[in-house]
Amino acid sequence: MDSTKAAYETVEAYIAGQTPEVQEILNQIRAVVKEEAPQAAEKISYGMPGYALHGALVYFAAFKKHIGFYPTGKGMEAFMEELAPHYKVSKGTIQFPLGQPIPYELIRRIVKFRVQENLELAELKSAQTKK
């Protein structure tokens, strides 16, 4: 199911609106994000599951032929050498084709990177405010 065709209010509803095969993938991605960013707020944003921790962290979405993964900040840049040879990437978007193994450990590393990046930015902002 193309996630752009329905409005969802919760991540559970979004995932439940997909095919069983895609539900399994999305649930695993969700679990990875929650493991690496347990303090992150989960929400539907831009019509897809999104996570925030001191700002936007990552988003993901289901499409007809792929899973879109959207690491914000420098999440793309830091992993481009690993991503570019294997996946379609564009500004801010990674496409994991359905029917091929989803790189959950790579997703885990990207989420960890994004958590660290946001925490460092939050500390920097906090330090600047105290001056």
Protein backbone atom coordinates (compact mmCIF):
# COMPACT_ATOMS: atom_id res chain seq x y z
CA MET A 1 0.00 0.00 0.00
CA ASP A 2 1.25 3.48 -0.82
CA SER A 3 1.44 5.37 2.45
CA THR A 4 0.62 8.68 0.77
CA LYS A 5 -3.01 7.64 0.12
CA ALA A 6 -4.28 7.63 3.70
CA ALA A 7 -3.97 9.88 6.73
CA TYR A 8 -2.85 8.09 9.88
CA GLU A 9 -2.93 9.44 13.41
CA THR A 10 -0.59 6.93 15.06
CA VAL A 11 2.41 4.87 14.06
CA GLU A 12 0.44 1.72 14.95
CA ALA A 13 -2.33 2.73 12.54
CA TYR A 14 0.20 3.55 9.83
CA ILE A 15 1.87 0.16 10.14
CA ALA A 16 -1.49 -1.66 10.35
CA GLY A 17 -2.48 0.00 7.06
CA GLN A 18 0.29 -1.79 5.16
CA THR A 19 0.52 -5.32 3.76
CA PRO A 20 1.62 -8.06 6.19
CA GLU A 21 5.08 -8.26 4.56
CA VAL A 22 5.58 -4.51 4.88
CA GLN A 23 4.16 -4.46 8.42
CA GLU A 24 6.91 -6.86 9.48
CA ILE A 25 9.62 -4.64 7.97
CA LEU A 26 8.18 -1.46 9.47
CA ASN A 27 7.80 -3.06 12.89
CA GLN A 28 11.46 -4.10 12.79
CA ILE A 29 12.59 -0.61 11.75
CA ARG A 30 10.42 0.84 14.52
CA ALA A 31 11.97 -1.55 17.05
CA VAL A 32 15.48 -0.55 15.96
CA VAL A 33 14.66 3.14 16.35
CA LYS A 34 13.08 2.59 19.77
CA GLU A 35 16.08 0.53 20.94
CA GLU A 36 18.60 3.14 19.87
CA ALA A 37 16.50 6.18 20.82
CA PRO A 38 14.21 5.11 23.67
CA GLN A 39 13.68 8.73 24.73
CA ALA A 40 12.59 9.86 21.26
CA ALA A 41 9.03 11.02 20.77
CA GLU A 42 7.14 8.96 18.20
CA LYS A 43 4.65 10.72 15.95
CA ILE A 44 3.15 10.91 12.51
CA SER A 45 4.76 13.78 10.67
CA TYR A 46 4.66 14.52 6.96
CA GLY A 47 2.22 11.58 6.74
CA MET A 48 4.76 9.02 7.96
CA PRO A 49 6.22 7.68 11.20
CA GLY A 50 8.73 10.12 12.62
CA TYR A 51 10.90 10.34 15.71
CA ALA A 52 12.18 13.42 17.50
CA LEU A 53 14.84 13.84 20.14
CA HIS A 54 15.99 17.44 20.54
CA GLY A 55 14.68 17.96 17.01
CA ALA A 56 13.87 15.66 14.11
CA LEU A 57 15.70 12.33 14.24
CA VAL A 58 14.50 9.94 11.49
CA TYR A 59 11.39 9.12 9.47
CA PHE A 60 10.36 6.07 7.45
CA ALA A 61 7.57 5.27 5.02
CA ALA A 62 6.19 2.42 2.92
CA PHE A 63 5.80 2.73 -0.82
CA LYS A 64 4.75 0.32 -3.53
CA LYS A 65 8.26 -0.92 -4.34
CA HIS A 66 10.43 0.29 -1.47
CA ILE A 67 10.75 1.48 2.11
CA GLY A 68 11.84 5.10 2.33
CA PHE A 69 14.15 5.97 5.21
CA TYR A 70 14.84 9.61 5.98
CA PRO A 71 17.72 10.35 8.33
CA THR A 72 17.83 14.05 9.04
CA GLY A 73 20.91 16.13 9.82
CA LYS A 74 24.10 14.53 8.56
CA GLY A 75 22.68 11.01 8.65
CA MET A 76 22.95 10.62 4.88
CA GLU A 77 26.33 12.24 4.48
CA ALA A 78 28.01 10.13 7.17
CA PHE A 79 26.95 6.83 5.56
CA MET A 80 27.01 7.73 1.86
CA GLU A 81 29.94 5.44 1.01
CA GLU A 82 27.98 2.46 2.37
CA LEU A 83 24.66 3.52 0.92
CA ALA A 84 25.41 4.72 -2.61
CA PRO A 85 26.66 1.44 -4.10
CA HIS A 86 23.67 -0.56 -2.83
CA TYR A 87 20.61 1.70 -2.57
CA LYS A 88 18.94 4.50 -4.43
CA VAL A 89 19.71 7.67 -2.51
CA SER A 90 18.77 11.26 -3.07
CA LYS A 91 18.84 14.35 -0.90
CA GLY A 92 17.70 13.12 2.50
CA THR A 93 16.21 9.83 1.26
CA ILE A 94 17.34 6.22 1.18
CA GLN A 95 15.22 3.66 -0.69
CA PHE A 96 15.37 0.06 0.50
CA PRO A 97 13.75 -2.07 -2.24
CA LEU A 98 11.04 -4.47 -1.17
CA GLY A 99 11.96 -8.06 -1.94
CA GLN A 100 15.57 -7.50 -0.90
CA PRO A 101 17.02 -7.84 2.61
CA ILE A 102 16.54 -4.71 4.70
CA PRO A 103 19.85 -3.60 6.30
CA TYR A 104 18.62 -3.33 9.88
CA GLU A 105 22.13 -3.07 11.33
CA LEU A 106 22.92 -0.17 8.99
CA ILE A 107 19.66 1.48 10.04
CA ARG A 108 20.70 0.93 13.66
CA ARG A 109 24.05 2.64 13.07
CA ILE A 110 22.39 5.56 11.30
CA VAL A 111 19.91 6.03 14.17
CA LYS A 112 22.75 5.86 16.73
CA PHE A 113 24.64 8.48 14.73
CA ARG A 114 21.58 10.72 14.57
CA VAL A 115 20.93 10.41 18.32
CA GLN A 116 24.53 11.41 19.06
CA GLU A 117 24.35 14.27 16.57
CA ASN A 118 21.15 15.66 18.11
CA LEU A 119 22.45 15.28 21.67
CA GLU A 120 25.64 17.14 20.77
CA LEU A 121 23.65 19.93 19.11
CA ALA A 122 21.36 20.18 22.15
CA GLU A 123 24.39 20.44 24.48
CA LEU A 124 25.92 23.12 22.27
CA LYS A 125 22.69 25.13 22.24
CA SER A 126 22.38 24.75 26.01
CA ALA A 127 25.94 25.95 26.54
CA GLN A 128 25.37 28.96 24.26
CA THR A 129 22.19 29.90 26.15
CA LYS A 130 24.06 29.89 29.46
CA LYS A 131 26.61 32.45 28.23
